[in-house]
Amino acid sequence: MAKIKLETEKCIGCGSCHALCSKFFEIKEDGKSHIIGVQNSVNKIEELEIDKIDCAKQAADACPVQCIHIEN
């Protein structure tokens, strides 16, 4: 299983992750990106286990502040 991690405190809300991978990322009312389906975050880091990385790697690579991390 792979895992997406998003450091929400570092996010600047540019929207590139959502544009490239709306399957996993959304922009919420705070103007920042969040992982879809995550209810809680620990230390302002959201995590989601996924079966396939799909477009999440593209989103991580495109993030200008590198706050998205993919773990295999």
N, C-alpha and C. Protein backbone atom coordinates (compact mmCIF):
# COMPACT_ATOMS: atom_id res chain seq x y z
N MET A 1 0.83 -1.20 0.00
CA MET A 1 0.00 0.00 0.00
C MET A 1 0.87 1.25 0.00
N ALA A 2 0.42 2.22 -0.70
CA ALA A 2 1.11 3.51 -0.73
C ALA A 2 0.37 4.47 0.21
N LYS A 3 1.02 5.58 0.50
CA LYS A 3 0.42 6.57 1.39
C LYS A 3 0.71 7.96 0.87
N ILE A 4 -0.32 8.81 0.89
CA ILE A 4 -0.17 10.22 0.57
C ILE A 4 -0.09 10.97 1.89
N LYS A 5 0.87 11.88 2.00
CA LYS A 5 0.96 12.76 3.16
C LYS A 5 0.94 14.20 2.66
N LEU A 6 0.18 15.04 3.34
CA LEU A 6 0.06 16.45 2.97
C LEU A 6 0.28 17.31 4.21
N GLU A 7 1.32 18.14 4.14
CA GLU A 7 1.61 19.07 5.23
C GLU A 7 0.76 20.32 5.01
N THR A 8 -0.40 20.38 5.65
CA THR A 8 -1.35 21.46 5.38
C THR A 8 -0.83 22.82 5.81
N GLU A 9 0.02 22.87 6.80
CA GLU A 9 0.55 24.16 7.26
C GLU A 9 1.44 24.82 6.19
N LYS A 10 2.14 24.00 5.39
CA LYS A 10 3.03 24.52 4.35
C LYS A 10 2.28 24.91 3.08
N CYS A 11 1.07 24.37 2.90
CA CYS A 11 0.31 24.58 1.66
C CYS A 11 0.03 26.06 1.45
N ILE A 12 0.23 26.51 0.19
CA ILE A 12 -0.06 27.91 -0.15
C ILE A 12 -1.35 28.04 -0.96
N GLY A 13 -2.01 26.92 -1.21
CA GLY A 13 -3.29 26.94 -1.90
C GLY A 13 -3.22 27.27 -3.38
N CYS A 14 -2.15 26.91 -4.04
CA CYS A 14 -2.02 27.24 -5.47
C CYS A 14 -2.98 26.43 -6.33
N GLY A 15 -3.39 25.26 -5.87
CA GLY A 15 -4.35 24.44 -6.59
C GLY A 15 -3.80 23.50 -7.62
N SER A 16 -2.49 23.43 -7.76
CA SER A 16 -1.92 22.55 -8.79
C SER A 16 -2.25 21.08 -8.51
N CYS A 17 -2.25 20.68 -7.26
CA CYS A 17 -2.56 19.29 -6.93
C CYS A 17 -3.99 18.93 -7.31
N HIS A 18 -4.90 19.84 -7.01
CA HIS A 18 -6.31 19.62 -7.36
C HIS A 18 -6.48 19.58 -8.89
N ALA A 19 -5.81 20.47 -9.59
CA ALA A 19 -5.91 20.51 -11.05
C ALA A 19 -5.39 19.21 -11.67
N LEU A 20 -4.33 18.66 -11.11
CA LEU A 20 -3.72 17.45 -11.66
C LEU A 20 -4.34 16.17 -11.13
N CYS A 21 -4.92 16.23 -9.93
CA CYS A 21 -5.37 15.00 -9.28
C CYS A 21 -6.58 15.26 -8.39
N SER A 22 -7.69 15.61 -9.01
CA SER A 22 -8.90 15.89 -8.24
C SER A 22 -9.48 14.63 -7.60
N LYS A 23 -8.92 13.48 -7.94
CA LYS A 23 -9.34 12.22 -7.30
C LYS A 23 -8.96 12.22 -5.82
N PHE A 24 -7.83 12.83 -5.48
CA PHE A 24 -7.34 12.81 -4.10
C PHE A 24 -7.30 14.17 -3.41
N PHE A 25 -7.30 15.26 -4.17
CA PHE A 25 -7.10 16.58 -3.56
C PHE A 25 -8.26 17.53 -3.85
N GLU A 26 -8.58 18.35 -2.85
CA GLU A 26 -9.60 19.38 -3.00
C GLU A 26 -9.14 20.63 -2.26
N ILE A 27 -9.64 21.78 -2.71
CA ILE A 27 -9.37 23.04 -2.02
C ILE A 27 -10.58 23.32 -1.14
N LYS A 28 -10.33 23.50 0.15
CA LYS A 28 -11.43 23.74 1.08
C LYS A 28 -11.57 25.22 1.39
N GLU A 29 -12.53 25.53 2.26
CA GLU A 29 -12.86 26.92 2.58
C GLU A 29 -11.71 27.71 3.18
N ASP A 30 -10.70 27.03 3.72
CA ASP A 30 -9.54 27.74 4.27
C ASP A 30 -8.56 28.17 3.16
N GLY A 31 -8.88 27.81 1.90
CA GLY A 31 -8.03 28.19 0.78
C GLY A 31 -6.85 27.28 0.56
N LYS A 32 -6.79 26.19 1.33
CA LYS A 32 -5.67 25.25 1.22
C LYS A 32 -6.14 23.91 0.69
N SER A 33 -5.19 23.15 0.18
CA SER A 33 -5.48 21.82 -0.31
C SER A 33 -5.63 20.85 0.85
N HIS A 34 -6.52 19.87 0.63
CA HIS A 34 -6.73 18.81 1.61
C HIS A 34 -6.92 17.51 0.85
N ILE A 35 -6.57 16.41 1.50
CA ILE A 35 -6.78 15.10 0.90
C ILE A 35 -8.25 14.73 1.09
N ILE A 36 -8.90 14.34 0.02
CA ILE A 36 -10.32 13.98 0.07
C ILE A 36 -10.50 12.75 0.96
N GLY A 37 -11.45 12.85 1.87
CA GLY A 37 -11.78 11.72 2.73
C GLY A 37 -11.06 11.69 4.06
N VAL A 38 -10.08 12.56 4.25
CA VAL A 38 -9.36 12.59 5.52
C VAL A 38 -10.14 13.46 6.50
N GLN A 39 -10.46 12.90 7.65
CA GLN A 39 -11.22 13.63 8.67
C GLN A 39 -10.31 14.29 9.69
N ASN A 40 -9.22 13.65 10.03
CA ASN A 40 -8.32 14.15 11.07
C ASN A 40 -6.92 14.31 10.50
N SER A 41 -6.16 15.17 11.14
CA SER A 41 -4.75 15.27 10.80
C SER A 41 -3.97 15.32 12.11
N VAL A 42 -2.78 14.77 12.07
CA VAL A 42 -1.91 14.75 13.24
C VAL A 42 -0.77 15.71 12.96
N ASN A 43 -0.56 16.67 13.84
CA ASN A 43 0.48 17.68 13.66
C ASN A 43 0.36 18.39 12.31
N LYS A 44 -0.88 18.65 11.89
CA LYS A 44 -1.19 19.34 10.64
C LYS A 44 -0.67 18.59 9.40
N ILE A 45 -0.60 17.27 9.53
CA ILE A 45 -0.23 16.41 8.39
C ILE A 45 -1.38 15.43 8.15
N GLU A 46 -1.96 15.50 6.97
CA GLU A 46 -3.02 14.57 6.60
C GLU A 46 -2.39 13.37 5.92
N GLU A 47 -2.96 12.17 6.18
CA GLU A 47 -2.44 10.94 5.58
C GLU A 47 -3.60 10.12 5.05
N LEU A 48 -3.35 9.46 3.92
CA LEU A 48 -4.34 8.57 3.33
C LEU A 48 -3.61 7.40 2.69
N GLU A 49 -4.04 6.18 3.05
CA GLU A 49 -3.49 4.98 2.40
C GLU A 49 -4.26 4.74 1.12
N ILE A 50 -3.52 4.44 0.06
CA ILE A 50 -4.14 4.23 -1.25
C ILE A 50 -3.58 2.96 -1.89
N ASP A 51 -4.38 2.35 -2.76
CA ASP A 51 -3.95 1.15 -3.47
C ASP A 51 -3.00 1.48 -4.61
N LYS A 52 -3.37 2.50 -5.37
CA LYS A 52 -2.58 2.92 -6.53
C LYS A 52 -2.22 4.39 -6.39
N ILE A 53 -1.01 4.72 -6.76
CA ILE A 53 -0.55 6.11 -6.67
C ILE A 53 -1.28 7.00 -7.67
N ASP A 54 -1.62 6.44 -8.82
CA ASP A 54 -2.33 7.19 -9.86
C ASP A 54 -1.69 8.56 -10.07
N CYS A 55 -2.51 9.60 -10.01
CA CYS A 55 -2.05 10.95 -10.31
C CYS A 55 -1.42 11.66 -9.09
N ALA A 56 -1.41 11.00 -7.94
CA ALA A 56 -0.86 11.64 -6.72
C ALA A 56 0.62 11.99 -6.88
N LYS A 57 1.37 11.18 -7.60
CA LYS A 57 2.79 11.46 -7.82
C LYS A 57 2.96 12.73 -8.65
N GLN A 58 2.14 12.91 -9.66
CA GLN A 58 2.19 14.14 -10.47
C GLN A 58 1.89 15.36 -9.61
N ALA A 59 0.89 15.23 -8.75
CA ALA A 59 0.53 16.33 -7.87
C ALA A 59 1.67 16.68 -6.92
N ALA A 60 2.32 15.67 -6.37
CA ALA A 60 3.45 15.89 -5.47
C ALA A 60 4.60 16.57 -6.20
N ASP A 61 4.88 16.11 -7.41
CA ASP A 61 5.98 16.69 -8.19
C ASP A 61 5.69 18.14 -8.58
N ALA A 62 4.42 18.48 -8.81
CA ALA A 62 4.06 19.82 -9.25
C ALA A 62 3.94 20.83 -8.10
N CYS A 63 3.87 20.36 -6.88
CA CYS A 63 3.66 21.25 -5.74
C CYS A 63 4.86 22.21 -5.58
N PRO A 64 4.62 23.52 -5.65
CA PRO A 64 5.74 24.47 -5.58
C PRO A 64 6.41 24.56 -4.21
N VAL A 65 5.71 24.13 -3.17
CA VAL A 65 6.31 24.17 -1.82
C VAL A 65 6.63 22.79 -1.29
N GLN A 66 6.45 21.77 -2.15
CA GLN A 66 6.78 20.38 -1.82
C GLN A 66 6.19 19.93 -0.48
N CYS A 67 4.89 20.17 -0.32
CA CYS A 67 4.23 19.76 0.93
C CYS A 67 3.45 18.45 0.76
N ILE A 68 3.52 17.84 -0.42
CA ILE A 68 2.87 16.55 -0.67
C ILE A 68 3.96 15.50 -0.81
N HIS A 69 3.79 14.39 -0.06
CA HIS A 69 4.78 13.33 -0.08
C HIS A 69 4.07 11.99 -0.35
N ILE A 70 4.69 11.16 -1.18
CA ILE A 70 4.16 9.84 -1.49
C ILE A 70 5.12 8.81 -0.92
N GLU A 71 4.58 7.90 -0.11
CA GLU A 71 5.39 6.81 0.44
C GLU A 71 4.91 5.49 -0.14
N ASN A 72 5.85 4.68 -0.57
CA ASN A 72 5.51 3.36 -1.11
C ASN A 72 5.75 2.29 -0.07
